[in-house]
N, C-alpha and C. Protein backbone atom coordinates (compact mmCIF):
# COMPACT_ATOMS: atom_id res chain seq x y z
N MET A 1 -8.48 9.43 24.58
CA MET A 1 -7.97 8.67 25.70
C MET A 1 -8.42 9.38 26.98
N ASN A 2 -9.05 8.65 27.87
CA ASN A 2 -9.56 9.22 29.11
C ASN A 2 -8.53 9.23 30.23
N THR A 3 -7.51 8.40 30.14
CA THR A 3 -6.50 8.33 31.18
C THR A 3 -5.13 8.53 30.56
N TYR A 4 -4.14 8.80 31.40
CA TYR A 4 -2.79 9.03 30.89
C TYR A 4 -2.06 7.74 30.59
N VAL A 5 -2.50 6.63 31.13
CA VAL A 5 -1.92 5.32 30.82
C VAL A 5 -3.01 4.28 31.06
N THR A 6 -3.06 3.24 30.22
CA THR A 6 -4.10 2.24 30.39
C THR A 6 -3.54 0.96 31.00
N GLY A 7 -4.42 0.26 31.70
CA GLY A 7 -4.04 -1.01 32.32
C GLY A 7 -3.63 -2.04 31.30
N ASN A 8 -4.28 -2.03 30.15
CA ASN A 8 -3.95 -2.98 29.09
C ASN A 8 -2.51 -2.75 28.61
N THR A 9 -2.12 -1.50 28.51
CA THR A 9 -0.74 -1.18 28.11
C THR A 9 0.25 -1.71 29.13
N ILE A 10 -0.01 -1.47 30.40
CA ILE A 10 0.89 -1.94 31.45
C ILE A 10 1.01 -3.46 31.41
N ARG A 11 -0.13 -4.14 31.30
CA ARG A 11 -0.13 -5.60 31.26
C ARG A 11 0.65 -6.12 30.04
N LYS A 12 0.38 -5.54 28.88
CA LYS A 12 1.04 -5.99 27.65
C LYS A 12 2.56 -5.80 27.73
N LEU A 13 2.99 -4.64 28.20
CA LEU A 13 4.43 -4.37 28.32
C LEU A 13 5.08 -5.26 29.38
N ARG A 14 4.36 -5.48 30.48
CA ARG A 14 4.87 -6.36 31.55
C ARG A 14 5.06 -7.78 31.03
N GLU A 15 4.07 -8.27 30.31
CA GLU A 15 4.16 -9.63 29.77
C GLU A 15 5.26 -9.75 28.71
N ASN A 16 5.46 -8.70 27.92
CA ASN A 16 6.54 -8.71 26.93
C ASN A 16 7.91 -8.82 27.60
N LYS A 17 8.03 -8.28 28.82
CA LYS A 17 9.28 -8.35 29.58
C LYS A 17 9.37 -9.64 30.41
N HIS A 18 8.33 -10.48 30.35
CA HIS A 18 8.26 -11.74 31.11
C HIS A 18 8.38 -11.49 32.61
N LEU A 19 7.69 -10.46 33.07
CA LEU A 19 7.67 -10.13 34.50
C LEU A 19 6.32 -10.51 35.10
N THR A 20 6.33 -10.94 36.33
CA THR A 20 5.08 -11.14 37.07
C THR A 20 4.67 -9.79 37.64
N GLN A 21 3.44 -9.71 38.13
CA GLN A 21 2.99 -8.48 38.76
C GLN A 21 3.85 -8.18 39.99
N SER A 22 4.23 -9.21 40.73
CA SER A 22 5.10 -9.04 41.90
C SER A 22 6.45 -8.48 41.52
N GLU A 23 7.05 -9.02 40.46
CA GLU A 23 8.38 -8.56 40.03
C GLU A 23 8.35 -7.11 39.58
N LEU A 24 7.29 -6.74 38.84
CA LEU A 24 7.16 -5.35 38.40
C LEU A 24 6.96 -4.44 39.61
N GLY A 25 6.08 -4.83 40.52
CA GLY A 25 5.84 -4.05 41.73
C GLY A 25 7.10 -3.85 42.54
N GLU A 26 7.91 -4.91 42.64
CA GLU A 26 9.16 -4.84 43.40
C GLU A 26 10.13 -3.84 42.77
N ARG A 27 10.16 -3.80 41.44
CA ARG A 27 11.09 -2.89 40.74
C ARG A 27 10.74 -1.42 40.97
N ILE A 28 9.45 -1.13 41.19
CA ILE A 28 9.07 0.29 41.34
C ILE A 28 8.58 0.62 42.75
N GLY A 29 8.64 -0.35 43.65
CA GLY A 29 8.31 -0.08 45.04
C GLY A 29 6.83 -0.05 45.37
N VAL A 30 6.04 -0.89 44.68
CA VAL A 30 4.61 -1.01 45.01
C VAL A 30 4.27 -2.49 45.13
N SER A 31 3.08 -2.78 45.64
CA SER A 31 2.68 -4.18 45.81
C SER A 31 2.16 -4.76 44.50
N ASP A 32 2.12 -6.09 44.44
CA ASP A 32 1.55 -6.75 43.27
C ASP A 32 0.06 -6.44 43.13
N LYS A 33 -0.61 -6.16 44.26
CA LYS A 33 -2.03 -5.80 44.23
C LYS A 33 -2.24 -4.46 43.54
N ALA A 34 -1.30 -3.52 43.75
CA ALA A 34 -1.39 -2.22 43.07
C ALA A 34 -1.27 -2.42 41.56
N VAL A 35 -0.30 -3.24 41.14
CA VAL A 35 -0.12 -3.52 39.71
C VAL A 35 -1.37 -4.18 39.15
N SER A 36 -1.95 -5.11 39.89
CA SER A 36 -3.18 -5.78 39.47
C SER A 36 -4.32 -4.79 39.28
N LYS A 37 -4.44 -3.83 40.20
CA LYS A 37 -5.50 -2.82 40.09
C LYS A 37 -5.30 -1.96 38.84
N TRP A 38 -4.06 -1.61 38.55
CA TRP A 38 -3.80 -0.81 37.36
C TRP A 38 -4.19 -1.58 36.10
N GLU A 39 -3.79 -2.86 36.06
CA GLU A 39 -4.03 -3.67 34.87
C GLU A 39 -5.51 -3.97 34.64
N THR A 40 -6.28 -4.02 35.71
CA THR A 40 -7.71 -4.31 35.57
C THR A 40 -8.55 -3.04 35.48
N GLY A 41 -7.90 -1.90 35.48
CA GLY A 41 -8.61 -0.63 35.34
C GLY A 41 -9.30 -0.16 36.61
N LYS A 42 -8.93 -0.73 37.75
CA LYS A 42 -9.55 -0.35 39.01
C LYS A 42 -8.75 0.73 39.73
N GLY A 43 -7.70 1.19 39.09
CA GLY A 43 -6.86 2.24 39.65
C GLY A 43 -5.82 2.66 38.64
N LEU A 44 -5.14 3.76 38.93
CA LEU A 44 -4.09 4.26 38.05
C LEU A 44 -2.83 4.50 38.86
N PRO A 45 -1.68 4.32 38.24
CA PRO A 45 -0.45 4.63 38.96
C PRO A 45 -0.35 6.14 39.20
N ASP A 46 0.22 6.51 40.33
CA ASP A 46 0.44 7.91 40.63
C ASP A 46 1.39 8.49 39.60
N LEU A 47 1.23 9.77 39.28
CA LEU A 47 2.09 10.40 38.29
C LEU A 47 3.57 10.28 38.63
N THR A 48 3.90 10.24 39.90
CA THR A 48 5.30 10.13 40.31
C THR A 48 5.88 8.76 39.96
N LEU A 49 5.02 7.78 39.65
CA LEU A 49 5.48 6.43 39.31
C LEU A 49 5.62 6.21 37.80
N ILE A 50 5.21 7.18 36.99
CA ILE A 50 5.24 6.98 35.54
C ILE A 50 6.66 6.77 35.03
N GLN A 51 7.59 7.62 35.43
CA GLN A 51 8.99 7.47 34.98
C GLN A 51 9.59 6.14 35.46
N PRO A 52 9.48 5.78 36.74
CA PRO A 52 10.02 4.48 37.16
C PRO A 52 9.32 3.30 36.48
N LEU A 53 8.02 3.42 36.24
CA LEU A 53 7.28 2.35 35.56
C LEU A 53 7.79 2.18 34.13
N ALA A 54 7.96 3.29 33.42
CA ALA A 54 8.49 3.23 32.04
C ALA A 54 9.88 2.61 32.04
N GLN A 55 10.70 3.00 33.00
CA GLN A 55 12.06 2.48 33.09
C GLN A 55 12.05 0.97 33.37
N ALA A 56 11.18 0.54 34.27
CA ALA A 56 11.09 -0.89 34.61
C ALA A 56 10.61 -1.72 33.41
N LEU A 57 9.81 -1.11 32.55
CA LEU A 57 9.27 -1.81 31.38
C LEU A 57 10.13 -1.60 30.12
N ASP A 58 11.25 -0.86 30.27
CA ASP A 58 12.17 -0.58 29.16
C ASP A 58 11.50 0.13 27.99
N VAL A 59 10.68 1.12 28.29
CA VAL A 59 10.06 1.96 27.26
C VAL A 59 10.22 3.42 27.69
N SER A 60 9.99 4.32 26.74
CA SER A 60 10.02 5.74 27.09
C SER A 60 8.68 6.10 27.73
N VAL A 61 8.64 7.22 28.41
CA VAL A 61 7.38 7.69 29.01
C VAL A 61 6.34 7.91 27.92
N ILE A 62 6.77 8.44 26.78
CA ILE A 62 5.83 8.68 25.67
C ILE A 62 5.25 7.36 25.18
N GLU A 63 6.10 6.33 25.04
CA GLU A 63 5.60 5.03 24.60
C GLU A 63 4.61 4.46 25.62
N LEU A 64 4.92 4.60 26.90
CA LEU A 64 4.03 4.10 27.95
C LEU A 64 2.68 4.81 27.87
N MET A 65 2.70 6.11 27.69
CA MET A 65 1.46 6.88 27.68
C MET A 65 0.68 6.70 26.39
N ASN A 66 1.37 6.46 25.27
CA ASN A 66 0.69 6.22 23.99
C ASN A 66 0.18 4.79 23.87
N GLY A 67 0.80 3.90 24.64
CA GLY A 67 0.40 2.50 24.55
C GLY A 67 1.01 1.77 23.37
N GLU A 68 2.01 2.40 22.73
CA GLU A 68 2.66 1.77 21.58
C GLU A 68 4.15 1.72 21.81
N GLN A 69 4.72 0.54 21.71
CA GLN A 69 6.17 0.40 21.85
C GLN A 69 6.78 0.53 20.47
N ILE A 70 7.77 1.39 20.36
CA ILE A 70 8.47 1.59 19.09
C ILE A 70 9.71 0.72 19.08
N ILE A 71 9.80 -0.13 18.07
CA ILE A 71 10.97 -0.99 17.91
C ILE A 71 11.63 -0.59 16.60
N ASN A 72 12.81 -0.06 16.68
CA ASN A 72 13.53 0.38 15.50
C ASN A 72 14.21 -0.81 14.86
N ARG A 73 13.67 -1.25 13.74
CA ARG A 73 14.25 -2.39 13.02
C ARG A 73 15.33 -1.92 12.04
N ASN A 74 15.54 -0.63 11.99
CA ASN A 74 16.53 -0.05 11.10
C ASN A 74 17.87 0.00 11.83
N ARG A 75 18.40 -1.13 12.24
CA ARG A 75 19.61 -1.21 13.07
C ARG A 75 20.84 -0.66 12.37
N SER A 76 20.90 -0.78 11.05
CA SER A 76 22.09 -0.30 10.36
C SER A 76 22.02 1.20 10.12
N CYS A 77 20.94 1.82 10.47
CA CYS A 77 20.76 3.27 10.30
C CYS A 77 21.00 3.70 8.87
N ASN A 78 20.43 2.99 7.91
CA ASN A 78 20.51 3.38 6.52
C ASN A 78 19.72 4.66 6.36
N VAL A 79 20.40 5.74 6.10
CA VAL A 79 19.78 7.06 6.08
C VAL A 79 18.69 7.18 5.02
N ILE A 80 18.77 6.35 3.99
CA ILE A 80 17.76 6.43 2.94
C ILE A 80 16.36 6.04 3.47
N ARG A 81 16.33 5.35 4.62
CA ARG A 81 15.06 4.98 5.23
C ARG A 81 14.57 6.02 6.24
N SER A 82 15.06 7.22 6.10
CA SER A 82 14.73 8.30 7.03
C SER A 82 13.24 8.54 7.12
N ARG A 83 12.83 9.02 8.30
CA ARG A 83 11.45 9.44 8.54
C ARG A 83 11.49 10.93 8.85
N LEU A 84 10.54 11.66 8.31
CA LEU A 84 10.46 13.10 8.52
C LEU A 84 9.17 13.45 9.25
N TYR A 85 9.27 14.42 10.14
CA TYR A 85 8.14 14.88 10.94
C TYR A 85 8.11 16.41 10.88
N VAL A 86 6.92 17.01 10.78
CA VAL A 86 6.79 18.46 10.79
C VAL A 86 5.74 18.84 11.84
N CYS A 87 6.11 19.75 12.72
CA CYS A 87 5.19 20.22 13.76
C CYS A 87 4.19 21.19 13.13
N PRO A 88 2.89 20.94 13.28
CA PRO A 88 1.89 21.84 12.70
C PRO A 88 1.77 23.17 13.45
N ILE A 89 2.37 23.26 14.63
CA ILE A 89 2.27 24.48 15.43
C ILE A 89 3.43 25.43 15.14
N CYS A 90 4.67 24.93 15.27
CA CYS A 90 5.84 25.82 15.09
C CYS A 90 6.57 25.61 13.77
N GLY A 91 6.24 24.54 13.03
CA GLY A 91 6.90 24.28 11.77
C GLY A 91 8.24 23.57 11.89
N ASN A 92 8.60 23.14 13.10
CA ASN A 92 9.86 22.44 13.33
C ASN A 92 9.92 21.20 12.43
N VAL A 93 11.07 20.97 11.80
CA VAL A 93 11.29 19.80 10.95
C VAL A 93 12.20 18.86 11.71
N ILE A 94 11.77 17.61 11.88
CA ILE A 94 12.54 16.63 12.65
C ILE A 94 12.85 15.44 11.75
N HIS A 95 14.12 15.04 11.75
CA HIS A 95 14.60 13.93 10.93
C HIS A 95 15.02 12.79 11.85
N CYS A 96 14.57 11.57 11.55
CA CYS A 96 14.98 10.38 12.29
C CYS A 96 15.41 9.33 11.29
N THR A 97 16.40 8.52 11.65
CA THR A 97 16.87 7.48 10.74
C THR A 97 16.07 6.19 10.85
N GLY A 98 14.98 6.21 11.60
CA GLY A 98 14.10 5.06 11.74
C GLY A 98 12.84 5.49 12.45
N ASP A 99 11.98 4.55 12.76
CA ASP A 99 10.75 4.86 13.47
C ASP A 99 11.06 5.41 14.85
N ALA A 100 10.26 6.38 15.27
CA ALA A 100 10.46 7.01 16.57
C ALA A 100 9.14 7.58 17.06
N VAL A 101 9.07 7.85 18.34
CA VAL A 101 7.94 8.60 18.88
C VAL A 101 8.44 10.02 19.00
N VAL A 102 7.88 10.92 18.22
CA VAL A 102 8.36 12.29 18.14
C VAL A 102 7.25 13.22 18.62
N SER A 103 7.64 14.14 19.49
CA SER A 103 6.69 15.10 20.04
C SER A 103 7.28 16.50 19.94
N CYS A 104 6.45 17.47 19.59
CA CYS A 104 6.87 18.86 19.52
C CYS A 104 5.68 19.73 19.91
N CYS A 105 5.91 20.75 20.68
CA CYS A 105 4.86 21.67 21.13
C CYS A 105 3.70 20.94 21.80
N GLY A 106 4.01 19.82 22.48
CA GLY A 106 2.99 19.05 23.18
C GLY A 106 2.16 18.15 22.30
N VAL A 107 2.52 18.01 21.02
CA VAL A 107 1.77 17.19 20.07
C VAL A 107 2.64 16.02 19.63
N THR A 108 2.10 14.80 19.67
CA THR A 108 2.82 13.65 19.13
C THR A 108 2.64 13.68 17.62
N LEU A 109 3.74 13.67 16.90
CA LEU A 109 3.72 13.84 15.45
C LEU A 109 3.75 12.51 14.72
N PRO A 110 2.92 12.37 13.69
CA PRO A 110 3.01 11.16 12.86
C PRO A 110 4.12 11.35 11.83
N PRO A 111 4.76 10.25 11.40
CA PRO A 111 5.74 10.39 10.32
C PRO A 111 5.02 10.77 9.04
N LEU A 112 5.66 11.59 8.22
CA LEU A 112 5.05 12.03 6.98
C LEU A 112 5.16 10.94 5.92
N ASP A 113 4.09 10.75 5.16
CA ASP A 113 4.11 9.85 4.01
C ASP A 113 4.36 10.68 2.77
N ALA A 114 5.38 10.33 2.01
CA ALA A 114 5.74 11.09 0.83
C ALA A 114 5.03 10.54 -0.40
N GLU A 115 4.60 11.44 -1.25
CA GLU A 115 3.94 11.08 -2.51
C GLU A 115 4.76 11.63 -3.66
N ASP A 116 4.50 11.12 -4.86
CA ASP A 116 5.16 11.65 -6.04
C ASP A 116 4.62 13.04 -6.32
N PRO A 117 5.47 13.96 -6.82
CA PRO A 117 5.00 15.31 -7.09
C PRO A 117 3.95 15.33 -8.20
N ASP A 118 3.01 16.27 -8.08
CA ASP A 118 2.00 16.44 -9.12
C ASP A 118 2.42 17.60 -10.03
N ALA A 119 1.56 17.98 -10.97
CA ALA A 119 1.87 19.03 -11.93
C ALA A 119 2.08 20.39 -11.26
N GLU A 120 1.48 20.61 -10.10
CA GLU A 120 1.63 21.88 -9.38
C GLU A 120 2.99 22.00 -8.71
N HIS A 121 3.70 20.92 -8.59
CA HIS A 121 4.97 20.90 -7.86
C HIS A 121 6.07 20.34 -8.76
N THR A 122 6.38 21.10 -9.81
CA THR A 122 7.38 20.68 -10.78
C THR A 122 8.78 20.98 -10.26
N LEU A 123 9.64 19.98 -10.27
CA LEU A 123 11.00 20.10 -9.78
C LEU A 123 11.97 20.13 -10.94
N LEU A 124 12.88 21.11 -10.94
CA LEU A 124 13.91 21.23 -11.95
C LEU A 124 15.27 21.08 -11.26
N ILE A 125 16.10 20.17 -11.79
CA ILE A 125 17.44 19.93 -11.22
C ILE A 125 18.48 20.29 -12.27
N GLN A 126 19.38 21.22 -11.91
CA GLN A 126 20.44 21.64 -12.82
C GLN A 126 21.79 21.42 -12.15
N ARG A 127 22.74 20.90 -12.90
CA ARG A 127 24.10 20.72 -12.39
C ARG A 127 24.81 22.07 -12.45
N VAL A 128 25.37 22.52 -11.33
CA VAL A 128 26.11 23.78 -11.25
C VAL A 128 27.41 23.50 -10.51
N GLU A 129 28.54 23.59 -11.22
CA GLU A 129 29.86 23.32 -10.67
C GLU A 129 29.87 21.95 -9.98
N ASP A 130 30.14 21.90 -8.68
CA ASP A 130 30.24 20.62 -7.98
C ASP A 130 28.95 20.27 -7.23
N ALA A 131 27.85 20.96 -7.50
CA ALA A 131 26.59 20.74 -6.79
C ALA A 131 25.43 20.73 -7.78
N HIS A 132 24.24 20.67 -7.22
CA HIS A 132 23.02 20.71 -8.02
C HIS A 132 22.16 21.87 -7.52
N PHE A 133 21.54 22.56 -8.46
CA PHE A 133 20.66 23.67 -8.12
C PHE A 133 19.24 23.18 -8.35
N LEU A 134 18.45 23.16 -7.28
CA LEU A 134 17.08 22.65 -7.32
C LEU A 134 16.09 23.81 -7.30
N THR A 135 15.13 23.77 -8.20
CA THR A 135 14.10 24.81 -8.25
C THR A 135 12.75 24.14 -8.36
N ILE A 136 11.80 24.63 -7.61
CA ILE A 136 10.43 24.12 -7.68
C ILE A 136 9.54 25.27 -8.14
N SER A 137 8.78 25.02 -9.17
CA SER A 137 7.83 26.02 -9.65
C SER A 137 6.64 26.01 -8.70
N HIS A 138 6.66 26.95 -7.75
CA HIS A 138 5.66 26.93 -6.69
C HIS A 138 5.53 28.31 -6.07
N PRO A 139 4.31 28.72 -5.67
CA PRO A 139 4.19 30.01 -4.97
C PRO A 139 4.90 29.95 -3.62
N MET A 140 5.40 31.08 -3.18
CA MET A 140 6.08 31.17 -1.89
C MET A 140 5.47 32.32 -1.09
N THR A 141 4.14 32.22 -0.87
CA THR A 141 3.44 33.24 -0.10
C THR A 141 3.44 32.85 1.37
N LYS A 142 2.92 33.72 2.20
CA LYS A 142 2.88 33.42 3.64
C LYS A 142 1.92 32.29 3.97
N THR A 143 0.97 32.01 3.08
CA THR A 143 -0.02 30.97 3.35
C THR A 143 0.19 29.69 2.53
N HIS A 144 1.04 29.73 1.51
CA HIS A 144 1.26 28.56 0.66
C HIS A 144 2.71 28.60 0.17
N TYR A 145 3.52 27.65 0.68
CA TYR A 145 4.95 27.70 0.36
C TYR A 145 5.59 26.32 0.54
N ILE A 146 6.80 26.21 0.00
CA ILE A 146 7.64 25.03 0.22
C ILE A 146 8.45 25.31 1.48
N SER A 147 8.36 24.43 2.48
CA SER A 147 9.00 24.64 3.77
C SER A 147 10.46 24.16 3.79
N PHE A 148 10.75 23.06 3.09
CA PHE A 148 12.13 22.57 3.06
C PHE A 148 12.33 21.62 1.89
N MET A 149 13.59 21.43 1.54
CA MET A 149 14.01 20.40 0.60
C MET A 149 15.06 19.57 1.33
N ALA A 150 15.06 18.27 1.06
CA ALA A 150 16.02 17.38 1.72
C ALA A 150 16.42 16.27 0.77
N PHE A 151 17.64 15.78 0.94
CA PHE A 151 18.13 14.65 0.15
C PHE A 151 18.67 13.59 1.09
N ALA A 152 18.18 12.36 0.93
CA ALA A 152 18.64 11.23 1.75
C ALA A 152 19.26 10.18 0.82
N SER A 153 20.48 9.79 1.13
CA SER A 153 21.13 8.69 0.41
C SER A 153 21.45 7.62 1.44
N SER A 154 22.22 6.62 1.06
CA SER A 154 22.50 5.54 2.01
C SER A 154 23.39 5.98 3.16
N ASP A 155 24.16 7.06 2.99
CA ASP A 155 25.09 7.45 4.05
C ASP A 155 25.03 8.92 4.48
N ARG A 156 24.13 9.72 3.91
CA ARG A 156 24.05 11.12 4.34
C ARG A 156 22.66 11.71 4.14
N PHE A 157 22.41 12.76 4.90
CA PHE A 157 21.13 13.46 4.85
C PHE A 157 21.41 14.96 4.84
N GLN A 158 20.83 15.66 3.87
CA GLN A 158 20.96 17.12 3.78
C GLN A 158 19.58 17.74 3.82
N LEU A 159 19.45 18.85 4.50
CA LEU A 159 18.17 19.55 4.58
C LEU A 159 18.42 21.04 4.41
N VAL A 160 17.62 21.67 3.57
CA VAL A 160 17.67 23.11 3.38
C VAL A 160 16.30 23.66 3.74
N LYS A 161 16.26 24.51 4.74
CA LYS A 161 15.01 25.13 5.20
C LYS A 161 14.71 26.32 4.29
N LEU A 162 13.47 26.42 3.85
CA LEU A 162 13.01 27.53 3.01
C LEU A 162 11.96 28.33 3.77
N TYR A 163 11.76 29.56 3.35
CA TYR A 163 10.84 30.44 4.08
C TYR A 163 9.89 31.13 3.11
N PRO A 164 8.67 31.45 3.59
CA PRO A 164 7.71 32.18 2.75
C PRO A 164 8.32 33.48 2.23
N GLU A 165 7.91 33.85 1.05
CA GLU A 165 8.33 35.06 0.36
C GLU A 165 9.79 35.01 -0.07
N GLY A 166 10.42 33.82 0.08
CA GLY A 166 11.76 33.60 -0.48
C GLY A 166 11.59 32.89 -1.80
N ASN A 167 12.61 32.20 -2.24
CA ASN A 167 12.52 31.42 -3.47
C ASN A 167 12.47 29.94 -3.14
N ALA A 168 11.75 29.19 -3.94
CA ALA A 168 11.67 27.74 -3.76
C ALA A 168 12.84 27.10 -4.49
N GLU A 169 14.05 27.33 -3.96
CA GLU A 169 15.25 26.83 -4.59
C GLU A 169 16.32 26.55 -3.54
N ALA A 170 17.21 25.63 -3.91
CA ALA A 170 18.29 25.26 -2.99
C ALA A 170 19.45 24.70 -3.79
N ARG A 171 20.63 24.79 -3.21
CA ARG A 171 21.82 24.20 -3.80
C ARG A 171 22.24 23.06 -2.88
N MET A 172 22.39 21.85 -3.46
CA MET A 172 22.71 20.67 -2.67
C MET A 172 23.70 19.78 -3.39
N GLN A 173 24.40 18.98 -2.60
CA GLN A 173 25.29 17.94 -3.13
C GLN A 173 24.45 16.67 -3.26
N LEU A 174 24.18 16.24 -4.47
CA LEU A 174 23.39 15.02 -4.70
C LEU A 174 24.34 13.91 -5.16
N HIS A 175 24.95 13.23 -4.21
CA HIS A 175 25.89 12.15 -4.52
C HIS A 175 25.18 10.81 -4.50
N GLY A 176 25.35 10.04 -5.56
CA GLY A 176 24.81 8.69 -5.61
C GLY A 176 23.29 8.66 -5.73
N HIS A 177 22.74 7.49 -5.47
CA HIS A 177 21.31 7.29 -5.53
C HIS A 177 20.70 7.74 -4.21
N GLY A 178 19.47 8.21 -4.28
CA GLY A 178 18.80 8.63 -3.06
C GLY A 178 17.40 9.13 -3.34
N ILE A 179 16.85 9.79 -2.35
CA ILE A 179 15.50 10.33 -2.46
C ILE A 179 15.55 11.81 -2.13
N LEU A 180 14.99 12.60 -3.03
CA LEU A 180 14.89 14.03 -2.82
C LEU A 180 13.47 14.32 -2.31
N TYR A 181 13.38 14.97 -1.16
CA TYR A 181 12.10 15.31 -0.55
C TYR A 181 11.88 16.81 -0.61
N PHE A 182 10.63 17.21 -0.73
CA PHE A 182 10.28 18.60 -0.48
C PHE A 182 8.89 18.65 0.12
N TYR A 183 8.67 19.66 0.96
CA TYR A 183 7.44 19.73 1.75
C TYR A 183 6.67 21.01 1.46
N CYS A 184 5.44 20.84 0.97
CA CYS A 184 4.51 21.95 0.74
C CYS A 184 3.61 22.04 1.97
N ASN A 185 3.47 23.23 2.52
CA ASN A 185 2.67 23.36 3.74
C ASN A 185 1.20 23.04 3.53
N ARG A 186 0.72 23.02 2.30
CA ARG A 186 -0.68 22.66 2.02
C ARG A 186 -0.85 21.24 1.50
N HIS A 187 0.11 20.76 0.74
CA HIS A 187 -0.05 19.46 0.07
C HIS A 187 0.81 18.35 0.64
N GLY A 188 1.67 18.68 1.62
CA GLY A 188 2.43 17.64 2.30
C GLY A 188 3.77 17.33 1.67
N LEU A 189 4.30 16.17 2.06
CA LEU A 189 5.64 15.75 1.65
C LEU A 189 5.59 15.05 0.30
N MET A 190 6.54 15.43 -0.57
CA MET A 190 6.66 14.82 -1.89
C MET A 190 8.09 14.30 -2.06
N LYS A 191 8.25 13.31 -2.91
CA LYS A 191 9.57 12.72 -3.10
C LYS A 191 9.83 12.42 -4.56
N LYS A 192 11.10 12.43 -4.89
CA LYS A 192 11.55 12.04 -6.23
C LYS A 192 12.79 11.19 -6.06
N ARG A 193 12.77 9.98 -6.60
CA ARG A 193 13.93 9.10 -6.51
C ARG A 193 14.95 9.53 -7.57
N LEU A 194 16.19 9.58 -7.14
CA LEU A 194 17.28 9.96 -8.05
C LEU A 194 18.25 8.80 -8.22
C-alpha cells in the first residue's frame, strides 16, 4: 500500500453510510471538493483528519486504513466461534469472540486457521479429580515448542500459556462439548473437537 488510506475506501464507506460528499465534508469540517479529491486519488486527507473521518464513517481507524470494514455477525458471542491471534514479534496471544481487526507490535494480525493434529502433535487427555490433565508429546525447546492450550465451549474460554523448556501439559476444566486448541510455534494452531 503506497498511501495510508485510499480514495476507493473512503468512497465505499461513504456510500455504505448513504452520505453525499457534502454531508461527509460537513461532518469533519472540510469541503465536498476536498472529499472528491480524496476519492479520486488527487489528494489525501491530512493525518489530523483520520480519526474524525473514521468516526464519521462509523469505522475504526484500523478499518479505515486497511480498507476493510469488519462486521461481527457473531452477535450472540458464542464463545465456541472464538478467533485466536498470535503476534509473531512478542508472542502475545489474543482471543476474540468474533471477527476483529487485531494489531500488536505494529503488525495487523490475521486470525489463525486451526488444523487437525498430525502424528507429531499427539494429545493425551486424562481425567484427574474434577479436571482434565492434557499432555502433548512434543519438544519444548527454545526454538520449537507449544505456546498455549485453550478450550472453547459455548459459554466459556480457558487458556493456559506454556513456555519453552517447560512441559507441554496443562490442567483444565473441560465441561460439555467444545474445541481444544493448542499452538505450535512452528506448525501453527491445531484443534480437537471434544
